[in-house]
Amino acid sequence: MFGGCGIYRDGVMFALVSDSEIFLKCDETTAPRFREAGCKPFVYEKNGKPVEMSYWSLPDQALDDREFLKVWADLAFEAARRAKRPGGKP
């Protein structure tokens, strides 16, 4: 699919790794926060065309701060759980 590895918690994929970079699951609820933090969406090529997935890069601070990373990982996990529910409802 995207040539990377999925990261799961409780059977739910909430992050992926591609080219040594971590991307977290994002949805319409969390997208503004990811944008404000300067994160970028994960894009890969399929049949010569770019495909944007609902996974976004980590904020830079998350690479150096374990507690900050946990906050963002929890946001991603909740977004992934919402995506698994019918209609994406909490």
PDB file of N, CA and C in Angstrom:
ATOM      1  N   MET A   1       0.828  -1.190   0.000  1.00  0.00           N
ATOM      2  CA  MET A   1       0.000   0.000   0.000  1.00  0.00           C
ATOM      3  C   MET A   1       0.869   1.250   0.000  1.00  0.00           C
ATOM      4  N   PHE A   2       1.619   1.525   1.092  1.00  0.00           N
ATOM      5  CA  PHE A   2       2.401   2.741   1.173  1.00  0.00           C
ATOM      6  C   PHE A   2       3.885   2.468   1.347  1.00  0.00           C
ATOM      7  N   GLY A   3       4.284   1.221   1.437  1.00  0.00           N
ATOM      8  CA  GLY A   3       5.690   0.859   1.540  1.00  0.00           C
ATOM      9  C   GLY A   3       6.310   1.112   2.898  1.00  0.00           C
ATOM     10  N   GLY A   4       5.508   1.164   3.952  1.00  0.00           N
ATOM     11  CA  GLY A   4       6.025   1.418   5.291  1.00  0.00           C
ATOM     12  C   GLY A   4       5.537   0.367   6.266  1.00  0.00           C
ATOM     13  N   CYS A   5       5.663   0.670   7.556  1.00  0.00           N
ATOM     14  CA  CYS A   5       5.209  -0.226   8.623  1.00  0.00           C
ATOM     15  C   CYS A   5       4.100   0.448   9.407  1.00  0.00           C
ATOM     16  N   GLY A   6       3.112  -0.319   9.784  1.00  0.00           N
ATOM     17  CA  GLY A   6       2.044   0.204  10.621  1.00  0.00           C
ATOM     18  C   GLY A   6       2.371   0.019  12.088  1.00  0.00           C
ATOM     19  N   ILE A   7       1.930   0.946  12.928  1.00  0.00           N
ATOM     20  CA  ILE A   7       2.087   0.853  14.373  1.00  0.00           C
ATOM     21  C   ILE A   7       0.687   0.722  14.959  1.00  0.00           C
ATOM     22  N   TYR A   8       0.502  -0.330  15.760  1.00  0.00           N
ATOM     23  CA  TYR A   8      -0.819  -0.663  16.283  1.00  0.00           C
ATOM     24  C   TYR A   8      -0.869  -0.570  17.800  1.00  0.00           C
ATOM     25  N   ARG A   9      -2.055  -0.267  18.292  1.00  0.00           N
ATOM     26  CA  ARG A   9      -2.356  -0.326  19.726  1.00  0.00           C
ATOM     27  C   ARG A   9      -3.749  -0.916  19.832  1.00  0.00           C
ATOM     28  N   ASP A  10      -3.868  -1.969  20.611  1.00  0.00           N
ATOM     29  CA  ASP A  10      -5.156  -2.648  20.792  1.00  0.00           C
ATOM     30  C   ASP A  10      -5.797  -3.011  19.455  1.00  0.00           C
ATOM     31  N   GLY A  11      -4.993  -3.443  18.496  1.00  0.00           N
ATOM     32  CA  GLY A  11      -5.499  -3.871  17.202  1.00  0.00           C
ATOM     33  C   GLY A  11      -5.884  -2.740  16.264  1.00  0.00           C
ATOM     34  N   VAL A  12      -5.558  -1.506  16.623  1.00  0.00           N
ATOM     35  CA  VAL A  12      -5.917  -0.335  15.819  1.00  0.00           C
ATOM     36  C   VAL A  12      -4.636   0.331  15.318  1.00  0.00           C
ATOM     37  N   MET A  13      -4.521   0.508  14.006  1.00  0.00           N
ATOM     38  CA  MET A  13      -3.354   1.192  13.448  1.00  0.00           C
ATOM     39  C   MET A  13      -3.516   2.692  13.645  1.00  0.00           C
ATOM     40  N   PHE A  14      -2.600   3.292  14.417  1.00  0.00           N
ATOM     41  CA  PHE A  14      -2.686   4.716  14.707  1.00  0.00           C
ATOM     42  C   PHE A  14      -1.477   5.502  14.217  1.00  0.00           C
ATOM     43  N   ALA A  15      -0.483   4.792  13.680  1.00  0.00           N
ATOM     44  CA  ALA A  15       0.714   5.465  13.176  1.00  0.00           C
ATOM     45  C   ALA A  15       1.367   4.587  12.127  1.00  0.00           C
ATOM     46  N   LEU A  16       2.235   5.209  11.348  1.00  0.00           N
ATOM     47  CA  LEU A  16       3.009   4.445  10.376  1.00  0.00           C
ATOM     48  C   LEU A  16       4.415   5.026  10.296  1.00  0.00           C
ATOM     49  N   VAL A  17       5.328   4.190   9.849  1.00  0.00           N
ATOM     50  CA  VAL A  17       6.718   4.600   9.655  1.00  0.00           C
ATOM     51  C   VAL A  17       7.057   4.391   8.190  1.00  0.00           C
ATOM     52  N   SER A  18       7.609   5.426   7.578  1.00  0.00           N
ATOM     53  CA  SER A  18       8.046   5.353   6.186  1.00  0.00           C
ATOM     54  C   SER A  18       9.319   6.168   6.043  1.00  0.00           C
ATOM     55  N   ASP A  19      10.336   5.563   5.465  1.00  0.00           N
ATOM     56  CA  ASP A  19      11.624   6.247   5.297  1.00  0.00           C
ATOM     57  C   ASP A  19      12.114   6.848   6.608  1.00  0.00           C
ATOM     58  N   SER A  20      12.017   6.090   7.682  1.00  0.00           N
ATOM     59  CA  SER A  20      12.488   6.487   9.018  1.00  0.00           C
ATOM     60  C   SER A  20      11.746   7.683   9.607  1.00  0.00           C
ATOM     61  N   GLU A  21      10.565   7.998   9.095  1.00  0.00           N
ATOM     62  CA  GLU A  21       9.764   9.079   9.633  1.00  0.00           C
ATOM     63  C   GLU A  21       8.442   8.514  10.148  1.00  0.00           C
ATOM     64  N   ILE A  22       8.003   9.029  11.294  1.00  0.00           N
ATOM     65  CA  ILE A  22       6.758   8.582  11.907  1.00  0.00           C
ATOM     66  C   ILE A  22       5.627   9.533  11.527  1.00  0.00           C
ATOM     67  N   PHE A  23       4.484   8.943  11.171  1.00  0.00           N
ATOM     68  CA  PHE A  23       3.283   9.701  10.851  1.00  0.00           C
ATOM     69  C   PHE A  23       2.155   9.188  11.734  1.00  0.00           C
ATOM     70  N   LEU A  24       1.338  10.114  12.230  1.00  0.00           N
ATOM     71  CA  LEU A  24       0.240   9.774  13.130  1.00  0.00           C
ATOM     72  C   LEU A  24      -1.112   9.940  12.452  1.00  0.00           C
ATOM     73  N   LYS A  25      -2.055   9.084  12.816  1.00  0.00           N
ATOM     74  CA  LYS A  25      -3.412   9.151  12.279  1.00  0.00           C
ATOM     75  C   LYS A  25      -4.033  10.498  12.619  1.00  0.00           C
ATOM     76  N   CYS A  26      -4.708  11.061  11.649  1.00  0.00           N
ATOM     77  CA  CYS A  26      -5.329  12.372  11.794  1.00  0.00           C
ATOM     78  C   CYS A  26      -6.744  12.282  11.223  1.00  0.00           C
ATOM     79  N   ASP A  27      -7.654  13.067  11.768  1.00  0.00           N
ATOM     80  CA  ASP A  27      -9.001  13.147  11.211  1.00  0.00           C
ATOM     81  C   ASP A  27      -9.460  14.593  11.266  1.00  0.00           C
ATOM     82  N   GLU A  28     -10.695  14.849  10.905  1.00  0.00           N
ATOM     83  CA  GLU A  28     -11.167  16.239  10.850  1.00  0.00           C
ATOM     84  C   GLU A  28     -11.160  16.895  12.229  1.00  0.00           C
ATOM     85  N   THR A  29     -11.254  16.107  13.285  1.00  0.00           N
ATOM     86  CA  THR A  29     -11.212  16.649  14.641  1.00  0.00           C
ATOM     87  C   THR A  29      -9.804  17.124  15.010  1.00  0.00           C
ATOM     88  N   THR A  30      -8.795  16.352  14.607  1.00  0.00           N
ATOM     89  CA  THR A  30      -7.418  16.669  15.003  1.00  0.00           C
ATOM     90  C   THR A  30      -6.618  17.420  13.944  1.00  0.00           C
ATOM     91  N   ALA A  31      -7.113  17.476  12.716  1.00  0.00           N
ATOM     92  CA  ALA A  31      -6.365  18.125  11.628  1.00  0.00           C
ATOM     93  C   ALA A  31      -5.937  19.558  11.945  1.00  0.00           C
ATOM     94  N   PRO A  32      -6.816  20.392  12.513  1.00  0.00           N
ATOM     95  CA  PRO A  32      -6.376  21.758  12.807  1.00  0.00           C
ATOM     96  C   PRO A  32      -5.163  21.798  13.750  1.00  0.00           C
ATOM     97  N   ARG A  33      -5.148  20.916  14.714  1.00  0.00           N
ATOM     98  CA  ARG A  33      -4.026  20.867  15.655  1.00  0.00           C
ATOM     99  C   ARG A  33      -2.732  20.456  14.953  1.00  0.00           C
ATOM    100  N   PHE A  34      -2.833  19.486  14.052  1.00  0.00           N
ATOM    101  CA  PHE A  34      -1.655  19.051  13.296  1.00  0.00           C
ATOM    102  C   PHE A  34      -1.150  20.190  12.409  1.00  0.00           C
ATOM    103  N   ARG A  35      -2.064  20.878  11.737  1.00  0.00           N
ATOM    104  CA  ARG A  35      -1.670  22.005  10.877  1.00  0.00           C
ATOM    105  C   ARG A  35      -0.984  23.104  11.677  1.00  0.00           C
ATOM    106  N   GLU A  36      -1.578  23.470  12.814  1.00  0.00           N
ATOM    107  CA  GLU A  36      -1.020  24.518  13.666  1.00  0.00           C
ATOM    108  C   GLU A  36       0.381  24.169  14.160  1.00  0.00           C
ATOM    109  N   ALA A  37       0.640  22.873  14.345  1.00  0.00           N
ATOM    110  CA  ALA A  37       1.950  22.425  14.827  1.00  0.00           C
ATOM    111  C   ALA A  37       2.973  22.321  13.691  1.00  0.00           C
ATOM    112  N   GLY A  38       2.559  22.629  12.460  1.00  0.00           N
ATOM    113  CA  GLY A  38       3.486  22.588  11.332  1.00  0.00           C
ATOM    114  C   GLY A  38       3.701  21.204  10.744  1.00  0.00           C
ATOM    115  N   CYS A  39       2.816  20.276  11.072  1.00  0.00           N
ATOM    116  CA  CYS A  39       2.924  18.908  10.562  1.00  0.00           C
ATOM    117  C   CYS A  39       2.483  18.866   9.099  1.00  0.00           C
ATOM    118  N   LYS A  40       2.944  17.836   8.400  1.00  0.00           N
ATOM    119  CA  LYS A  40       2.619  17.660   6.982  1.00  0.00           C
ATOM    120  C   LYS A  40       1.998  16.284   6.766  1.00  0.00           C
ATOM    121  N   PRO A  41       1.052  16.186   5.822  1.00  0.00           N
ATOM    122  CA  PRO A  41       0.430  14.882   5.550  1.00  0.00           C
ATOM    123  C   PRO A  41       1.403  13.920   4.865  1.00  0.00           C
ATOM    124  N   PHE A  42       1.168  12.642   5.105  1.00  0.00           N
ATOM    125  CA  PHE A  42       1.941  11.600   4.437  1.00  0.00           C
ATOM    126  C   PHE A  42       1.392  11.435   3.024  1.00  0.00           C
ATOM    127  N   VAL A  43       2.269  11.492   2.042  1.00  0.00           N
ATOM    128  CA  VAL A  43       1.891  11.348   0.639  1.00  0.00           C
ATOM    129  C   VAL A  43       2.807  10.298   0.018  1.00  0.00           C
ATOM    130  N   TYR A  44       2.218   9.371  -0.712  1.00  0.00           N
ATOM    131  CA  TYR A  44       3.007   8.396  -1.461  1.00  0.00           C
ATOM    132  C   TYR A  44       2.508   8.378  -2.892  1.00  0.00           C
ATOM    133  N   GLU A  45       3.275   7.748  -3.752  1.00  0.00           N
ATOM    134  CA  GLU A  45       2.910   7.698  -5.161  1.00  0.00           C
ATOM    135  C   GLU A  45       2.311   6.352  -5.520  1.00  0.00           C
ATOM    136  N   LYS A  46       1.213   6.398  -6.255  1.00  0.00           N
ATOM    137  CA  LYS A  46       0.567   5.175  -6.751  1.00  0.00           C
ATOM    138  C   LYS A  46       0.228   5.415  -8.214  1.00  0.00           C
ATOM    139  N   ASN A  47       0.726   4.555  -9.066  1.00  0.00           N
ATOM    140  CA  ASN A  47       0.507   4.690 -10.508  1.00  0.00           C
ATOM    141  C   ASN A  47       0.906   6.081 -11.009  1.00  0.00           C
ATOM    142  N   GLY A  48       2.009   6.595 -10.452  1.00  0.00           N
ATOM    143  CA  GLY A  48       2.531   7.884 -10.883  1.00  0.00           C
ATOM    144  C   GLY A  48       1.782   9.092 -10.363  1.00  0.00           C
ATOM    145  N   LYS A  49       0.830   8.869  -9.447  1.00  0.00           N
ATOM    146  CA  LYS A  49       0.051   9.984  -8.912  1.00  0.00           C
ATOM    147  C   LYS A  49       0.204  10.042  -7.390  1.00  0.00           C
ATOM    148  N   PRO A  50       0.246  11.261  -6.825  1.00  0.00           N
ATOM    149  CA  PRO A  50       0.351  11.372  -5.366  1.00  0.00           C
ATOM    150  C   PRO A  50      -0.954  10.987  -4.678  1.00  0.00           C
ATOM    151  N   VAL A  51      -0.811  10.247  -3.586  1.00  0.00           N
ATOM    152  CA  VAL A  51      -1.956   9.833  -2.777  1.00  0.00           C
ATOM    153  C   VAL A  51      -1.701  10.326  -1.352  1.00  0.00           C
ATOM    154  N   GLU A  52      -2.593  11.158  -0.852  1.00  0.00           N
ATOM    155  CA  GLU A  52      -2.459  11.684   0.504  1.00  0.00           C
ATOM    156  C   GLU A  52      -3.261  10.814   1.455  1.00  0.00           C
ATOM    157  N   MET A  53      -2.611  10.382   2.516  1.00  0.00           N
ATOM    158  CA  MET A  53      -3.292   9.566   3.524  1.00  0.00           C
ATOM    159  C   MET A  53      -3.629  10.424   4.732  1.00  0.00           C
ATOM    160  N   SER A  54      -4.453   9.902   5.598  1.00  0.00           N
ATOM    161  CA  SER A  54      -4.869  10.642   6.785  1.00  0.00           C
ATOM    162  C   SER A  54      -3.895  10.410   7.944  1.00  0.00           C
ATOM    163  N   TYR A  55      -2.621  10.463   7.623  1.00  0.00           N
ATOM    164  CA  TYR A  55      -1.544  10.370   8.607  1.00  0.00           C
ATOM    165  C   TYR A  55      -0.655  11.590   8.399  1.00  0.00           C
ATOM    166  N   TRP A  56      -0.259  12.209   9.509  1.00  0.00           N
ATOM    167  CA  TRP A  56       0.535  13.437   9.447  1.00  0.00           C
ATOM    168  C   TRP A  56       1.814  13.267  10.248  1.00  0.00           C
ATOM    169  N   SER A  57       2.832  14.010   9.857  1.00  0.00           N
ATOM    170  CA  SER A  57       4.123  13.955  10.541  1.00  0.00           C
ATOM    171  C   SER A  57       3.987  14.413  11.991  1.00  0.00           C
ATOM    172  N   LEU A  58       4.970  14.018  12.777  1.00  0.00           N
ATOM    173  CA  LEU A  58       5.023  14.444  14.175  1.00  0.00           C
ATOM    174  C   LEU A  58       5.445  15.902  14.284  1.00  0.00           C
ATOM    175  N   PRO A  59       4.961  16.596  15.306  1.00  0.00           N
ATOM    176  CA  PRO A  59       5.541  17.916  15.577  1.00  0.00           C
ATOM    177  C   PRO A  59       7.002  17.716  15.987  1.00  0.00           C
ATOM    178  N   ASP A  60       7.872  18.630  15.628  1.00  0.00           N
ATOM    179  CA  ASP A  60       9.300  18.494  15.936  1.00  0.00           C
ATOM    180  C   ASP A  60       9.563  18.246  17.414  1.00  0.00           C
ATOM    181  N   GLN A  61       8.835  18.932  18.279  1.00  0.00           N
ATOM    182  CA  GLN A  61       9.052  18.797  19.723  1.00  0.00           C
ATOM    183  C   GLN A  61       8.818  17.368  20.212  1.00  0.00           C
ATOM    184  N   ALA A  62       7.963  16.617  19.528  1.00  0.00           N
ATOM    185  CA  ALA A  62       7.643  15.248  19.950  1.00  0.00           C
ATOM    186  C   ALA A  62       8.838  14.313  19.819  1.00  0.00           C
ATOM    187  N   LEU A  63       9.818  14.687  18.995  1.00  0.00           N
ATOM    188  CA  LEU A  63      11.003  13.845  18.829  1.00  0.00           C
ATOM    189  C   LEU A  63      11.935  13.919  20.029  1.00  0.00           C
ATOM    190  N   ASP A  64      11.815  14.982  20.830  1.00  0.00           N
ATOM    191  CA  ASP A  64      12.714  15.189  21.965  1.00  0.00           C
ATOM    192  C   ASP A  64      12.035  15.132  23.324  1.00  0.00           C
ATOM    193  N   ASP A  65      10.723  15.009  23.342  1.00  0.00           N
ATOM    194  CA  ASP A  65       9.974  15.088  24.594  1.00  0.00           C
ATOM    195  C   ASP A  65       8.980  13.929  24.665  1.00  0.00           C
ATOM    196  N   ARG A  66       9.289  12.958  25.493  1.00  0.00           N
ATOM    197  CA  ARG A  66       8.488  11.736  25.604  1.00  0.00           C
ATOM    198  C   ARG A  66       7.033  12.020  25.986  1.00  0.00           C
ATOM    199  N   GLU A  67       6.813  12.914  26.933  1.00  0.00           N
ATOM    200  CA  GLU A  67       5.449  13.226  27.358  1.00  0.00           C
ATOM    201  C   GLU A  67       4.666  13.926  26.246  1.00  0.00           C
ATOM    202  N   PHE A  68       5.329  14.815  25.520  1.00  0.00           N
ATOM    203  CA  PHE A  68       4.705  15.501  24.397  1.00  0.00           C
ATOM    204  C   PHE A  68       4.342  14.489  23.309  1.00  0.00           C
ATOM    205  N   LEU A  69       5.238  13.542  23.057  1.00  0.00           N
ATOM    206  CA  LEU A  69       4.973  12.486  22.077  1.00  0.00           C
ATOM    207  C   LEU A  69       3.755  11.669  22.487  1.00  0.00           C
ATOM    208  N   LYS A  70       3.645  11.360  23.770  1.00  0.00           N
ATOM    209  CA  LYS A  70       2.503  10.564  24.244  1.00  0.00           C
ATOM    210  C   LYS A  70       1.181  11.287  23.987  1.00  0.00           C
ATOM    211  N   VAL A  71       1.155  12.594  24.207  1.00  0.00           N
ATOM    212  CA  VAL A  71      -0.063  13.374  23.947  1.00  0.00           C
ATOM    213  C   VAL A  71      -0.477  13.223  22.493  1.00  0.00           C
ATOM    214  N   TRP A  72       0.485  13.355  21.587  1.00  0.00           N
ATOM    215  CA  TRP A  72       0.181  13.254  20.155  1.00  0.00           C
ATOM    216  C   TRP A  72      -0.174  11.821  19.754  1.00  0.00           C
ATOM    217  N   ALA A  73       0.492  10.842  20.335  1.00  0.00           N
ATOM    218  CA  ALA A  73       0.156   9.443  20.038  1.00  0.00           C
ATOM    219  C   ALA A  73      -1.264   9.129  20.502  1.00  0.00           C
ATOM    220  N   ASP A  74      -1.652   9.661  21.658  1.00  0.00           N
ATOM    221  CA  ASP A  74      -3.020   9.449  22.154  1.00  0.00           C
ATOM    222  C   ASP A  74      -4.047  10.108  21.237  1.00  0.00           C
ATOM    223  N   LEU A  75      -3.736  11.319  20.740  1.00  0.00           N
ATOM    224  CA  LEU A  75      -4.629  11.979  19.774  1.00  0.00           C
ATOM    225  C   LEU A  75      -4.811  11.106  18.536  1.00  0.00           C
ATOM    226  N   ALA A  76      -3.704  10.548  18.051  1.00  0.00           N
ATOM    227  CA  ALA A  76      -3.747   9.701  16.859  1.00  0.00           C
ATOM    228  C   ALA A  76      -4.536   8.425  17.113  1.00  0.00           C
ATOM    229  N   PHE A  77      -4.348   7.828  18.278  1.00  0.00           N
ATOM    230  CA  PHE A  77      -5.071   6.609  18.617  1.00  0.00           C
ATOM    231  C   PHE A  77      -6.573   6.876  18.661  1.00  0.00           C
ATOM    232  N   GLU A  78      -6.974   7.981  19.263  1.00  0.00           N
ATOM    233  CA  GLU A  78      -8.397   8.315  19.318  1.00  0.00           C
ATOM    234  C   GLU A  78      -8.956   8.576  17.918  1.00  0.00           C
ATOM    235  N   ALA A  79      -8.181   9.237  17.058  1.00  0.00           N
ATOM    236  CA  ALA A  79      -8.624   9.461  15.672  1.00  0.00           C
ATOM    237  C   ALA A  79      -8.794   8.121  14.957  1.00  0.00           C
ATOM    238  N   ALA A  80      -7.871   7.201  15.180  1.00  0.00           N
ATOM    239  CA  ALA A  80      -7.953   5.875  14.551  1.00  0.00           C
ATOM    240  C   ALA A  80      -9.162   5.109  15.070  1.00  0.00           C
ATOM    241  N   ARG A  81      -9.441   5.229  16.346  1.00  0.00           N
ATOM    242  CA  ARG A  81     -10.632   4.567  16.909  1.00  0.00           C
ATOM    243  C   ARG A  81     -11.912   5.154  16.325  1.00  0.00           C
ATOM    244  N   ARG A  82     -11.963   6.470  16.184  1.00  0.00           N
ATOM    245  CA  ARG A  82     -13.149   7.090  15.575  1.00  0.00           C
ATOM    246  C   ARG A  82     -13.343   6.601  14.140  1.00  0.00           C
ATOM    247  N   ALA A  83     -12.242   6.441  13.419  1.00  0.00           N
ATOM    248  CA  ALA A  83     -12.322   6.002  12.017  1.00  0.00           C
ATOM    249  C   ALA A  83     -12.862   4.576  11.904  1.00  0.00           C
ATOM    250  N   LYS A  84     -12.639   3.767  12.915  1.00  0.00           N
ATOM    251  CA  LYS A  84     -13.121   2.383  12.900  1.00  0.00           C
ATOM    252  C   LYS A  84     -14.605   2.277  13.216  1.00  0.00           C
ATOM    253  N   ARG A  85     -15.182   3.309  13.845  1.00  0.00           N
ATOM    254  CA  ARG A  85     -16.600   3.289  14.214  1.00  0.00           C
ATOM    255  C   ARG A  85     -17.458   3.654  13.010  1.00  0.00           C
ATOM    256  N   PRO A  86     -18.647   3.088  12.918  1.00  0.00           N
ATOM    257  CA  PRO A  86     -19.542   3.478  11.818  1.00  0.00           C
ATOM    258  C   PRO A  86     -19.795   4.977  11.843  1.00  0.00           C
ATOM    259  N   GLY A  87     -19.564   5.626  10.736  1.00  0.00           N
ATOM    260  CA  GLY A  87     -19.775   7.070  10.651  1.00  0.00           C
ATOM    261  C   GLY A  87     -18.692   7.887  11.314  1.00  0.00           C
ATOM    262  N   GLY A  88     -17.660   7.225  11.893  1.00  0.00           N
ATOM    263  CA  GLY A  88     -16.571   7.930  12.535  1.00  0.00           C
ATOM    264  C   GLY A  88     -16.954   8.692  13.786  1.00  0.00           C
ATOM    265  N   LYS A  89     -18.040   8.274  14.435  1.00  0.00           N
ATOM    266  CA  LYS A  89     -18.534   8.983  15.623  1.00  0.00           C
ATOM    267  C   LYS A  89     -17.838   8.472  16.892  1.00  0.00           C
ATOM    268  N   PRO A  90     -17.592   9.384  17.847  1.00  0.00           N
ATOM    269  CA  PRO A  90     -16.954   8.981  19.119  1.00  0.00           C
ATOM    270  C   PRO A  90     -17.817   8.027  19.924  1.00  0.00           C
TER     271      PRO A  90
END
